[in-house]
């Protein structure tokens, strides 16, 4: 039996899910086949958003394609689990990912202690114990890549990248925004404390004094806050992150898509009419941005309908060190996702001093994509 849930604007759902589906490797033909059969946003009824995506996930699960099935269940709970059917889809996304990850010893589930309870995360490349004598063993703690998605991203979406980090000389942890998935924290001014808490939790198994944050969308704002307070964070790489005007510009607020406002309200545990007032303390003014003393790199979208262009301009004016890449696209730059993926990883490796051969190879791949 399903419970009643507030319906989202179906046209918005279909428009904004494209960036999420693309980032998960779901092709236009594949997501189009699902979306064509969606007729409403009911809580799990025939033809509903959650039912259509879940049915596609179930078919993949029966075929043993667990990682792909999890991606479809993740789309089913998009943008957040507002009713029983979406909550079930989110639980299934976690469950099939855990079954997939069980075949890869390089990935492990960890829990980060917080005042609100444990925050679950996925990790890879952590050493077996504390630092070895002289730090010379093959199991010596590695620099840490701390990854987090935006307000609609489960950690399981990004966790497969953990398998690739060993070749770059990095350990990694993938977590979620406060209020997303298994993160019980509220999204408010206390939220940036999550990142130092993650570093504390793995400090004996990674070189957290050399931590680099790959923080997408709204988690990028948290990473900038955390970098101001925690010297272990040595660089921030983000994409489409809110800085100041998103939180304070009332004229801009009137243009923000309903699905974004409702999702933020859910994470902040407030209502849509109060959410911008609740989140206003997260705005970063020029004085605070000017105090960020680590390199920052950003992918911005020239036609972003969520993050105002003035926020990117603020970063240009105020940060001491900014590397900027702009794509002519909407929020998340779905048409340029392969370029964003390569550029963000390459930038992390440049910041961390990663292997030169890997940097050269990634640079060559990026230049080839840019020529297309």
Foldseek 3Di string as FASTA:
>chain_A
DKDWFDWDDLVVLVVVCLLLCLLLVQDPVRVVVLSVQADTCTQQDGNHLLVSLLVVLVVCVVVVVLLVSLSSLLSSLPQHPGIDSSVVSLVSSVVSLVVVCVVPPQKDWDWFQDPQGTFIKIKGLWAPWAADVVNPDPRGAFEEEEEEEDLRDQQSSPVVCQVVCVQFRYIYIYGYFQLHRRHPHAPFPCRLVVVVSVCVRRVRGHVLLRYEYEYEAAVQLSVLVNLLPDNSHAEYEYENYAAACLLPPVVLLVQADPSVLCSQCSRNVHDSVCRSVRHNVSHDALVSQLSRPHAYEYEYEPAESRHDPVRVVSNVPRHPHYHYHYDPDYGSPSVCSVLSVLVRVLVSCVSRVTDPVVNVVSVVVNVVVVVD
